């Protein structure tokens, strides 16, 4: 039997080095967390942009409808005032209805 305890210490050192999360493994964990955070931020940005685009589309459609209603109102007023005849009124109303 040998009283030399070097092999035991070497075994402890190997196990200790494998479990201390230092070196490349620690850096790899940091990069993995950063990449996951970037992916989550990117996904959140895509969702926010999609929601905003949907809201703007609906608002734009409401503005178009409001403008069309205003155009119909002006057309009816001009017809009632006698500024345009029946044929002109029908032609312009058909053109406005096709734009909807």
PDB file of N, CA and C in Angstrom:
ATOM      1  N   UNK A   1       0.810  -1.179   0.000  1.00  0.00           N
ATOM      2  CA  UNK A   1       0.000   0.000   0.000  1.00  0.00           C
ATOM      3  C   UNK A   1       0.851   1.238   0.000  1.00  0.00           C
ATOM      4  N   UNK A   2       0.362   2.162  -0.719  1.00  0.00           N
ATOM      5  CA  UNK A   2       1.078   3.429  -0.815  1.00  0.00           C
ATOM      6  C   UNK A   2       0.370   4.468   0.030  1.00  0.00           C
ATOM      7  N   UNK A   3       1.115   5.329   0.612  1.00  0.00           N
ATOM      8  CA  UNK A   3       0.542   6.397   1.425  1.00  0.00           C
ATOM      9  C   UNK A   3       0.391   7.673   0.601  1.00  0.00           C
ATOM     10  N   UNK A   4       0.708   7.556  -0.649  1.00  0.00           N
ATOM     11  CA  UNK A   4       0.608   8.726  -1.530  1.00  0.00           C
ATOM     12  C   UNK A   4      -0.864   8.988  -1.851  1.00  0.00           C
ATOM     13  N   UNK A   5      -1.354  10.169  -1.593  1.00  0.00           N
ATOM     14  CA  UNK A   5      -2.761  10.488  -1.828  1.00  0.00           C
ATOM     15  C   UNK A   5      -2.964  11.304  -3.098  1.00  0.00           C
ATOM     16  N   UNK A   6      -1.962  11.381  -3.929  1.00  0.00           N
ATOM     17  CA  UNK A   6      -2.059  12.160  -5.158  1.00  0.00           C
ATOM     18  C   UNK A   6      -3.154  11.659  -6.093  1.00  0.00           C
ATOM     19  N   UNK A   7      -3.287  10.339  -6.350  1.00  0.00           N
ATOM     20  CA  UNK A   7      -4.356   9.906  -7.256  1.00  0.00           C
ATOM     21  C   UNK A   7      -5.746  10.305  -6.759  1.00  0.00           C
ATOM     22  N   UNK A   8      -5.966  10.249  -5.489  1.00  0.00           N
ATOM     23  CA  UNK A   8      -7.266  10.633  -4.941  1.00  0.00           C
ATOM     24  C   UNK A   8      -7.504  12.124  -5.162  1.00  0.00           C
ATOM     25  N   UNK A   9      -6.499  12.923  -4.923  1.00  0.00           N
ATOM     26  CA  UNK A   9      -6.642  14.353  -5.143  1.00  0.00           C
ATOM     27  C   UNK A   9      -6.855  14.671  -6.619  1.00  0.00           C
ATOM     28  N   UNK A  10      -6.186  13.923  -7.478  1.00  0.00           N
ATOM     29  CA  UNK A  10      -6.392  14.141  -8.904  1.00  0.00           C
ATOM     30  C   UNK A  10      -7.833  13.810  -9.280  1.00  0.00           C
ATOM     31  N   UNK A  11      -8.376  12.738  -8.713  1.00  0.00           N
ATOM     32  CA  UNK A  11      -9.768  12.391  -8.990  1.00  0.00           C
ATOM     33  C   UNK A  11     -10.713  13.469  -8.496  1.00  0.00           C
ATOM     34  N   UNK A  12     -10.440  14.014  -7.352  1.00  0.00           N
ATOM     35  CA  UNK A  12     -11.273  15.080  -6.803  1.00  0.00           C
ATOM     36  C   UNK A  12     -11.175  16.319  -7.685  1.00  0.00           C
ATOM     37  N   UNK A  13      -9.982  16.607  -8.142  1.00  0.00           N
ATOM     38  CA  UNK A  13      -9.785  17.774  -8.991  1.00  0.00           C
ATOM     39  C   UNK A  13     -10.535  17.621 -10.309  1.00  0.00           C
ATOM     40  N   UNK A  14     -10.537  16.433 -10.877  1.00  0.00           N
ATOM     41  CA  UNK A  14     -11.244  16.206 -12.140  1.00  0.00           C
ATOM     42  C   UNK A  14     -12.741  16.392 -11.937  1.00  0.00           C
ATOM     43  N   UNK A  15     -13.278  15.771 -10.906  1.00  0.00           N
ATOM     44  CA  UNK A  15     -14.702  15.917 -10.624  1.00  0.00           C
ATOM     45  C   UNK A  15     -15.023  17.363 -10.316  1.00  0.00           C
ATOM     46  N   UNK A  16     -14.178  18.002  -9.550  1.00  0.00           N
ATOM     47  CA  UNK A  16     -14.400  19.397  -9.207  1.00  0.00           C
ATOM     48  C   UNK A  16     -14.385  20.287 -10.436  1.00  0.00           C
ATOM     49  N   UNK A  17     -13.486  20.045 -11.349  1.00  0.00           N
ATOM     50  CA  UNK A  17     -13.403  20.852 -12.568  1.00  0.00           C
ATOM     51  C   UNK A  17     -14.590  20.621 -13.488  1.00  0.00           C
ATOM     52  N   UNK A  18     -15.127  19.426 -13.514  1.00  0.00           N
ATOM     53  CA  UNK A  18     -16.264  19.142 -14.394  1.00  0.00           C
ATOM     54  C   UNK A  18     -17.544  19.783 -13.861  1.00  0.00           C
ATOM     55  N   UNK A  19     -17.624  19.992 -12.584  1.00  0.00           N
ATOM     56  CA  UNK A  19     -18.860  20.474 -12.003  1.00  0.00           C
ATOM     57  C   UNK A  19     -18.871  21.969 -11.675  1.00  0.00           C
ATOM     58  N   UNK A  20     -17.774  22.662 -11.881  1.00  0.00           N
ATOM     59  CA  UNK A  20     -17.744  24.056 -11.447  1.00  0.00           C
ATOM     60  C   UNK A  20     -18.337  25.023 -12.478  1.00  0.00           C
ATOM     61  N   UNK A  21     -18.790  24.574 -13.631  1.00  0.00           N
ATOM     62  CA  UNK A  21     -19.445  25.371 -14.671  1.00  0.00           C
ATOM     63  C   UNK A  21     -18.570  26.525 -15.159  1.00  0.00           C
ATOM     64  N   UNK A  22     -17.304  26.401 -15.066  1.00  0.00           N
ATOM     65  CA  UNK A  22     -16.407  27.455 -15.505  1.00  0.00           C
ATOM     66  C   UNK A  22     -15.995  27.240 -16.950  1.00  0.00           C
ATOM     67  N   UNK A  23     -15.220  28.120 -17.455  1.00  0.00           N
ATOM     68  CA  UNK A  23     -14.652  27.986 -18.780  1.00  0.00           C
ATOM     69  C   UNK A  23     -15.704  28.073 -19.877  1.00  0.00           C
ATOM     70  N   UNK A  24     -15.590  27.210 -20.863  1.00  0.00           N
ATOM     71  CA  UNK A  24     -16.470  27.233 -22.031  1.00  0.00           C
ATOM     72  C   UNK A  24     -17.916  26.917 -21.678  1.00  0.00           C
ATOM     73  N   UNK A  25     -18.156  26.045 -20.727  1.00  0.00           N
ATOM     74  CA  UNK A  25     -19.521  25.691 -20.394  1.00  0.00           C
ATOM     75  C   UNK A  25     -20.256  26.883 -19.801  1.00  0.00           C
ATOM     76  N   UNK A  26     -19.600  27.674 -18.977  1.00  0.00           N
ATOM     77  CA  UNK A  26     -20.217  28.871 -18.409  1.00  0.00           C
ATOM     78  C   UNK A  26     -20.532  29.896 -19.486  1.00  0.00           C
ATOM     79  N   UNK A  27     -19.607  30.100 -20.389  1.00  0.00           N
ATOM     80  CA  UNK A  27     -19.823  31.045 -21.483  1.00  0.00           C
ATOM     81  C   UNK A  27     -20.942  30.553 -22.393  1.00  0.00           C
ATOM     82  N   UNK A  28     -21.004  29.253 -22.608  1.00  0.00           N
ATOM     83  CA  UNK A  28     -22.069  28.691 -23.445  1.00  0.00           C
ATOM     84  C   UNK A  28     -23.442  28.918 -22.839  1.00  0.00           C
ATOM     85  N   UNK A  29     -23.536  28.799 -21.530  1.00  0.00           N
ATOM     86  CA  UNK A  29     -24.814  29.038 -20.858  1.00  0.00           C
ATOM     87  C   UNK A  29     -25.236  30.497 -20.992  1.00  0.00           C
ATOM     88  N   UNK A  30     -24.280  31.391 -20.867  1.00  0.00           N
ATOM     89  CA  UNK A  30     -24.582  32.817 -21.010  1.00  0.00           C
ATOM     90  C   UNK A  30     -25.092  33.106 -22.415  1.00  0.00           C
ATOM     91  N   UNK A  31     -24.419  32.561 -23.431  1.00  0.00           N
ATOM     92  CA  UNK A  31     -24.854  32.764 -24.810  1.00  0.00           C
ATOM     93  C   UNK A  31     -26.239  32.171 -25.050  1.00  0.00           C
ATOM     94  N   UNK A  32     -26.504  31.008 -24.486  1.00  0.00           N
ATOM     95  CA  UNK A  32     -27.813  30.376 -24.663  1.00  0.00           C
ATOM     96  C   UNK A  32     -28.920  31.246 -24.077  1.00  0.00           C
ATOM     97  N   UNK A  33     -28.686  31.798 -22.906  1.00  0.00           N
ATOM     98  CA  UNK A  33     -29.682  32.673 -22.276  1.00  0.00           C
ATOM     99  C   UNK A  33     -29.876  33.930 -23.109  1.00  0.00           C
ATOM    100  N   UNK A  34     -28.800  34.520 -23.594  1.00  0.00           N
ATOM    101  CA  UNK A  34     -28.906  35.723 -24.422  1.00  0.00           C
ATOM    102  C   UNK A  34     -29.676  35.454 -25.710  1.00  0.00           C
ATOM    103  N   UNK A  35     -29.408  34.338 -26.334  1.00  0.00           N
ATOM    104  CA  UNK A  35     -30.123  33.987 -27.572  1.00  0.00           C
ATOM    105  C   UNK A  35     -31.601  33.772 -27.293  1.00  0.00           C
ATOM    106  N   UNK A  36     -31.922  33.100 -26.209  1.00  0.00           N
ATOM    107  CA  UNK A  36     -33.331  32.907 -25.854  1.00  0.00           C
ATOM    108  C   UNK A  36     -34.021  34.241 -25.590  1.00  0.00           C
ATOM    109  N   UNK A  37     -33.354  35.145 -24.911  1.00  0.00           N
ATOM    110  CA  UNK A  37     -33.934  36.464 -24.661  1.00  0.00           C
ATOM    111  C   UNK A  37     -34.153  37.230 -25.961  1.00  0.00           C
ATOM    112  N   UNK A  38     -33.194  37.152 -26.874  1.00  0.00           N
ATOM    113  CA  UNK A  38     -33.344  37.819 -28.173  1.00  0.00           C
ATOM    114  C   UNK A  38     -34.504  37.225 -28.972  1.00  0.00           C
ATOM    115  N   UNK A  39     -34.643  35.909 -28.953  1.00  0.00           N
ATOM    116  CA  UNK A  39     -35.759  35.275 -29.652  1.00  0.00           C
ATOM    117  C   UNK A  39     -37.099  35.685 -29.054  1.00  0.00           C
ATOM    118  N   UNK A  40     -37.173  35.747 -27.738  1.00  0.00           N
ATOM    119  CA  UNK A  40     -38.414  36.166 -27.077  1.00  0.00           C
ATOM    120  C   UNK A  40     -38.736  37.616 -27.412  1.00  0.00           C
ATOM    121  N   UNK A  41     -37.734  38.480 -27.417  1.00  0.00           N
ATOM    122  CA  UNK A  41     -37.953  39.885 -27.764  1.00  0.00           C
ATOM    123  C   UNK A  41     -38.396  40.015 -29.219  1.00  0.00           C
ATOM    124  N   UNK A  42     -37.805  39.239 -30.104  1.00  0.00           N
ATOM    125  CA  UNK A  42     -38.203  39.263 -31.514  1.00  0.00           C
ATOM    126  C   UNK A  42     -39.635  38.803 -31.705  1.00  0.00           C
ATOM    127  N   UNK A  43     -40.029  37.749 -31.011  1.00  0.00           N
ATOM    128  CA  UNK A  43     -41.397  37.257 -31.106  1.00  0.00           C
ATOM    129  C   UNK A  43     -42.378  38.301 -30.577  1.00  0.00           C
ATOM    130  N   UNK A  44     -42.041  38.950 -29.482  1.00  0.00           N
ATOM    131  CA  UNK A  44     -42.907  39.990 -28.928  1.00  0.00           C
ATOM    132  C   UNK A  44     -43.033  41.167 -29.894  1.00  0.00           C
ATOM    133  N   UNK A  45     -41.938  41.544 -30.548  1.00  0.00           N
ATOM    134  CA  UNK A  45     -41.974  42.641 -31.509  1.00  0.00           C
ATOM    135  C   UNK A  45     -42.866  42.302 -32.701  1.00  0.00           C
ATOM    136  N   UNK A  46     -42.786  41.068 -33.183  1.00  0.00           N
ATOM    137  CA  UNK A  46     -43.629  40.651 -34.308  1.00  0.00           C
ATOM    138  C   UNK A  46     -45.105  40.708 -33.916  1.00  0.00           C
ATOM    139  N   UNK A  47     -45.430  40.269 -32.716  1.00  0.00           N
ATOM    140  CA  UNK A  47     -46.827  40.294 -32.257  1.00  0.00           C
ATOM    141  C   UNK A  47     -47.322  41.731 -32.137  1.00  0.00           C
ATOM    142  N   UNK A  48     -46.513  42.607 -31.551  1.00  0.00           N
ATOM    143  CA  UNK A  48     -46.913  44.013 -31.395  1.00  0.00           C
ATOM    144  C   UNK A  48     -47.120  44.658 -32.756  1.00  0.00           C
ATOM    145  N   UNK A  49     -46.231  44.431 -33.700  1.00  0.00           N
ATOM    146  CA  UNK A  49     -46.367  45.015 -35.028  1.00  0.00           C
ATOM    147  C   UNK A  49     -47.596  44.481 -35.751  1.00  0.00           C
ATOM    148  N   UNK A  50     -47.890  43.203 -35.598  1.00  0.00           N
ATOM    149  CA  UNK A  50     -49.076  42.624 -36.241  1.00  0.00           C
ATOM    150  C   UNK A  50     -50.356  43.220 -35.672  1.00  0.00           C
ATOM    151  N   UNK A  51     -50.396  43.401 -34.372  1.00  0.00           N
ATOM    152  CA  UNK A  51     -51.590  43.996 -33.746  1.00  0.00           C
ATOM    153  C   UNK A  51     -51.764  45.435 -34.200  1.00  0.00           C
ATOM    154  N   UNK A  52     -50.678  46.186 -34.235  1.00  0.00           N
ATOM    155  CA  UNK A  52     -50.764  47.584 -34.688  1.00  0.00           C
ATOM    156  C   UNK A  52     -51.203  47.676 -36.146  1.00  0.00           C
ATOM    157  N   UNK A  53     -50.682  46.823 -36.993  1.00  0.00           N
ATOM    158  CA  UNK A  53     -51.059  46.838 -38.406  1.00  0.00           C
ATOM    159  C   UNK A  53     -52.542  46.514 -38.563  1.00  0.00           C
ATOM    160  N   UNK A  54     -53.037  45.582 -37.770  1.00  0.00           N
ATOM    161  CA  UNK A  54     -54.457  45.249 -37.831  1.00  0.00           C
ATOM    162  C   UNK A  54     -55.329  46.407 -37.404  1.00  0.00           C
ATOM    163  N   UNK A  55     -54.928  47.100 -36.365  1.00  0.00           N
ATOM    164  CA  UNK A  55     -55.703  48.250 -35.895  1.00  0.00           C
ATOM    165  C   UNK A  55     -55.693  49.377 -36.906  1.00  0.00           C
ATOM    166  N   UNK A  56     -54.548  49.632 -37.515  1.00  0.00           N
ATOM    167  CA  UNK A  56     -54.457  50.701 -38.512  1.00  0.00           C
ATOM    168  C   UNK A  56     -55.290  50.371 -39.736  1.00  0.00           C
ATOM    169  N   UNK A  57     -55.337  49.104 -40.106  1.00  0.00           N
ATOM    170  CA  UNK A  57     -56.140  48.702 -41.260  1.00  0.00           C
ATOM    171  C   UNK A  57     -57.610  48.955 -41.021  1.00  0.00           C
ATOM    172  N   UNK A  58     -58.094  48.617 -39.827  1.00  0.00           N
ATOM    173  CA  UNK A  58     -59.508  48.847 -39.508  1.00  0.00           C
ATOM    174  C   UNK A  58     -59.810  50.338 -39.441  1.00  0.00           C
ATOM    175  N   UNK A  59     -58.903  51.120 -38.879  1.00  0.00           N
ATOM    176  CA  UNK A  59     -59.110  52.565 -38.788  1.00  0.00           C
ATOM    177  C   UNK A  59     -59.119  53.185 -40.179  1.00  0.00           C
ATOM    178  N   UNK A  60     -58.245  52.729 -41.034  1.00  0.00           N
ATOM    179  CA  UNK A  60     -58.207  53.225 -42.410  1.00  0.00           C
ATOM    180  C   UNK A  60     -59.485  52.907 -43.163  1.00  0.00           C
ATOM    181  N   UNK A  61     -60.034  51.714 -42.931  1.00  0.00           N
ATOM    182  CA  UNK A  61     -61.286  51.348 -43.587  1.00  0.00           C
ATOM    183  C   UNK A  61     -62.428  52.230 -43.088  1.00  0.00           C
ATOM    184  N   UNK A  62     -62.443  52.536 -41.796  1.00  0.00           N
ATOM    185  CA  UNK A  62     -63.481  53.425 -41.259  1.00  0.00           C
ATOM    186  C   UNK A  62     -63.375  54.807 -41.886  1.00  0.00           C
ATOM    187  N   UNK A  63     -62.149  55.296 -42.089  1.00  0.00           N
ATOM    188  CA  UNK A  63     -61.972  56.607 -42.709  1.00  0.00           C
ATOM    189  C   UNK A  63     -62.462  56.589 -44.149  1.00  0.00           C
ATOM    190  N   UNK A  64     -62.188  55.502 -44.864  1.00  0.00           N
ATOM    191  CA  UNK A  64     -62.673  55.399 -46.240  1.00  0.00           C
ATOM    192  C   UNK A  64     -64.193  55.394 -46.279  1.00  0.00           C
ATOM    193  N   UNK A  65     -64.820  54.652 -45.386  1.00  0.00           N
ATOM    194  CA  UNK A  65     -66.275  54.612 -45.337  1.00  0.00           C
ATOM    195  C   UNK A  65     -66.847  55.983 -44.987  1.00  0.00           C
ATOM    196  N   UNK A  66     -66.217  56.684 -44.054  1.00  0.00           N
ATOM    197  CA  UNK A  66     -66.678  58.020 -43.676  1.00  0.00           C
ATOM    198  C   UNK A  66     -66.561  58.972 -44.854  1.00  0.00           C
ATOM    199  N   UNK A  67     -65.472  58.874 -45.598  1.00  0.00           N
ATOM    200  CA  UNK A  67     -65.294  59.719 -46.777  1.00  0.00           C
ATOM    201  C   UNK A  67     -66.319  59.412 -47.844  1.00  0.00           C
ATOM    202  N   UNK A  68     -66.643  58.149 -48.022  1.00  0.00           N
ATOM    203  CA  UNK A  68     -67.642  57.745 -49.000  1.00  0.00           C
ATOM    204  C   UNK A  68     -69.019  58.252 -48.593  1.00  0.00           C
ATOM    205  N   UNK A  69     -69.341  58.159 -47.301  1.00  0.00           N
ATOM    206  CA  UNK A  69     -70.620  58.667 -46.813  1.00  0.00           C
ATOM    207  C   UNK A  69     -70.721  60.168 -47.035  1.00  0.00           C
ATOM    208  N   UNK A  70     -69.635  60.874 -46.817  1.00  0.00           N
ATOM    209  CA  UNK A  70     -69.615  62.318 -47.035  1.00  0.00           C
ATOM    210  C   UNK A  70     -69.812  62.637 -48.516  1.00  0.00           C
ATOM    211  N   UNK A  71     -69.182  61.860 -49.385  1.00  0.00           N
ATOM    212  CA  UNK A  71     -69.339  62.078 -50.827  1.00  0.00           C
ATOM    213  C   UNK A  71     -70.786  61.842 -51.257  1.00  0.00           C
ATOM    214  N   UNK A  72     -71.408  60.816 -50.715  1.00  0.00           N
ATOM    215  CA  UNK A  72     -72.818  60.560 -51.033  1.00  0.00           C
ATOM    216  C   UNK A  72     -73.698  61.717 -50.545  1.00  0.00           C
ATOM    217  N   UNK A  73     -73.371  62.239 -49.371  1.00  0.00           N
ATOM    218  CA  UNK A  73     -74.137  63.353 -48.816  1.00  0.00           C
ATOM    219  C   UNK A  73     -74.036  64.593 -49.708  1.00  0.00           C
ATOM    220  N   UNK A  74     -72.826  64.894 -50.158  1.00  0.00           N
ATOM    221  CA  UNK A  74     -72.627  66.045 -51.052  1.00  0.00           C
ATOM    222  C   UNK A  74     -73.374  65.818 -52.362  1.00  0.00           C
ATOM    223  N   UNK A  75     -73.320  64.608 -52.886  1.00  0.00           N
ATOM    224  CA  UNK A  75     -74.005  64.298 -54.144  1.00  0.00           C
ATOM    225  C   UNK A  75     -75.516  64.486 -53.991  1.00  0.00           C
ATOM    226  N   UNK A  76     -76.071  63.981 -52.883  1.00  0.00           N
ATOM    227  CA  UNK A  76     -77.512  64.148 -52.657  1.00  0.00           C
ATOM    228  C   UNK A  76     -77.881  65.633 -52.517  1.00  0.00           C
ATOM    229  N   UNK A  77     -77.023  66.379 -51.809  1.00  0.00           N
ATOM    230  CA  UNK A  77     -77.293  67.809 -51.647  1.00  0.00           C
ATOM    231  C   UNK A  77     -77.276  68.537 -52.984  1.00  0.00           C
ATOM    232  N   UNK A  78     -76.309  68.243 -53.823  1.00  0.00           N
ATOM    233  CA  UNK A  78     -76.218  68.891 -55.137  1.00  0.00           C
ATOM    234  C   UNK A  78     -77.409  68.518 -56.024  1.00  0.00           C
ATOM    235  N   UNK A  79     -77.860  67.258 -55.932  1.00  0.00           N
ATOM    236  CA  UNK A  79     -79.023  66.830 -56.715  1.00  0.00           C
ATOM    237  C   UNK A  79     -80.279  67.545 -56.216  1.00  0.00           C
ATOM    238  N   UNK A  80     -80.416  67.629 -54.888  1.00  0.00           N
ATOM    239  CA  UNK A  80     -81.593  68.303 -54.312  1.00  0.00           C
ATOM    240  C   UNK A  80     -81.610  69.789 -54.651  1.00  0.00           C
ATOM    241  N   UNK A  81     -80.429  70.391 -54.741  1.00  0.00           N
ATOM    242  CA  UNK A  81     -80.353  71.821 -55.059  1.00  0.00           C
ATOM    243  C   UNK A  81     -80.520  72.082 -56.554  1.00  0.00           C
ATOM    244  N   UNK A  82     -80.552  71.031 -57.342  1.00  0.00           N
ATOM    245  CA  UNK A  82     -80.718  71.196 -58.787  1.00  0.00           C
ATOM    246  C   UNK A  82     -79.426  71.503 -59.508  1.00  0.00           C
ATOM    247  N   UNK A  83     -78.283  71.324 -58.870  1.00  0.00           N
ATOM    248  CA  UNK A  83     -77.000  71.593 -59.514  1.00  0.00           C
ATOM    249  C   UNK A  83     -76.655  70.524 -60.548  1.00  0.00           C
ATOM    250  N   UNK A  84     -77.152  69.300 -60.339  1.00  0.00           N
ATOM    251  CA  UNK A  84     -76.926  68.215 -61.306  1.00  0.00           C
ATOM    252  C   UNK A  84     -78.270  67.565 -61.626  1.00  0.00           C
ATOM    253  N   UNK A  85     -78.393  67.002 -62.837  1.00  0.00           N
ATOM    254  CA  UNK A  85     -79.648  66.355 -63.225  1.00  0.00           C
ATOM    255  C   UNK A  85     -79.648  64.885 -62.800  1.00  0.00           C
ATOM    256  N   UNK A  86     -80.749  64.195 -63.057  1.00  0.00           N
ATOM    257  CA  UNK A  86     -80.924  62.818 -62.624  1.00  0.00           C
ATOM    258  C   UNK A  86     -79.872  61.890 -63.242  1.00  0.00           C
ATOM    259  N   UNK A  87     -79.588  62.087 -64.513  1.00  0.00           N
ATOM    260  CA  UNK A  87     -78.602  61.237 -65.192  1.00  0.00           C
ATOM    261  C   UNK A  87     -77.210  61.378 -64.563  1.00  0.00           C
ATOM    262  N   UNK A  88     -76.830  62.625 -64.302  1.00  0.00           N
ATOM    263  CA  UNK A  88     -75.523  62.879 -63.673  1.00  0.00           C
ATOM    264  C   UNK A  88     -75.488  62.303 -62.249  1.00  0.00           C
ATOM    265  N   UNK A  89     -76.592  62.476 -61.529  1.00  0.00           N
ATOM    266  CA  UNK A  89     -76.679  61.934 -60.169  1.00  0.00           C
ATOM    267  C   UNK A  89     -76.498  60.423 -60.175  1.00  0.00           C
ATOM    268  N   UNK A  90     -77.212  59.703 -61.057  1.00  0.00           N
ATOM    269  CA  UNK A  90     -77.137  58.242 -61.127  1.00  0.00           C
ATOM    270  C   UNK A  90     -75.725  57.781 -61.512  1.00  0.00           C
ATOM    271  N   UNK A  91     -75.107  58.482 -62.463  1.00  0.00           N
ATOM    272  CA  UNK A  91     -73.760  58.109 -62.910  1.00  0.00           C
ATOM    273  C   UNK A  91     -72.744  58.265 -61.773  1.00  0.00           C
ATOM    274  N   UNK A  92     -72.801  59.376 -61.071  1.00  0.00           N
ATOM    275  CA  UNK A  92     -71.853  59.616 -59.981  1.00  0.00           C
ATOM    276  C   UNK A  92     -72.114  58.701 -58.788  1.00  0.00           C
ATOM    277  N   UNK A  93     -73.377  58.436 -58.481  1.00  0.00           N
ATOM    278  CA  UNK A  93     -73.699  57.539 -57.380  1.00  0.00           C
ATOM    279  C   UNK A  93     -73.186  56.127 -57.685  1.00  0.00           C
ATOM    280  N   UNK A  94     -73.359  55.691 -58.940  1.00  0.00           N
ATOM    281  CA  UNK A  94     -72.841  54.367 -59.325  1.00  0.00           C
ATOM    282  C   UNK A  94     -71.325  54.317 -59.180  1.00  0.00           C
ATOM    283  N   UNK A  95     -70.653  55.400 -59.545  1.00  0.00           N
ATOM    284  CA  UNK A  95     -69.197  55.443 -59.416  1.00  0.00           C
ATOM    285  C   UNK A  95     -68.790  55.384 -57.950  1.00  0.00           C
ATOM    286  N   UNK A  96     -69.513  56.107 -57.083  1.00  0.00           N
ATOM    287  CA  UNK A  96     -69.196  56.046 -55.645  1.00  0.00           C
ATOM    288  C   UNK A  96     -69.474  54.669 -55.072  1.00  0.00           C
ATOM    289  N   UNK A  97     -70.561  54.021 -55.487  1.00  0.00           N
ATOM    290  CA  UNK A  97     -70.895  52.692 -54.986  1.00  0.00           C
ATOM    291  C   UNK A  97     -69.880  51.650 -55.428  1.00  0.00           C
ATOM    292  N   UNK A  98     -69.287  51.826 -56.594  1.00  0.00           N
ATOM    293  CA  UNK A  98     -68.263  50.874 -57.062  1.00  0.00           C
ATOM    294  C   UNK A  98     -66.969  51.000 -56.263  1.00  0.00           C
ATOM    295  N   UNK A  99     -66.733  52.155 -55.670  1.00  0.00           N
ATOM    296  CA  UNK A  99     -65.511  52.376 -54.876  1.00  0.00           C
ATOM    297  C   UNK A  99     -65.578  51.693 -53.522  1.00  0.00           C
ATOM    298  N   UNK A 100     -66.752  51.334 -53.048  1.00  0.00           N
ATOM    299  CA  UNK A 100     -66.881  50.713 -51.716  1.00  0.00           C
ATOM    300  C   UNK A 100     -66.348  49.355 -51.686  1.00  0.00           C
TER     301      UNK A 100
END
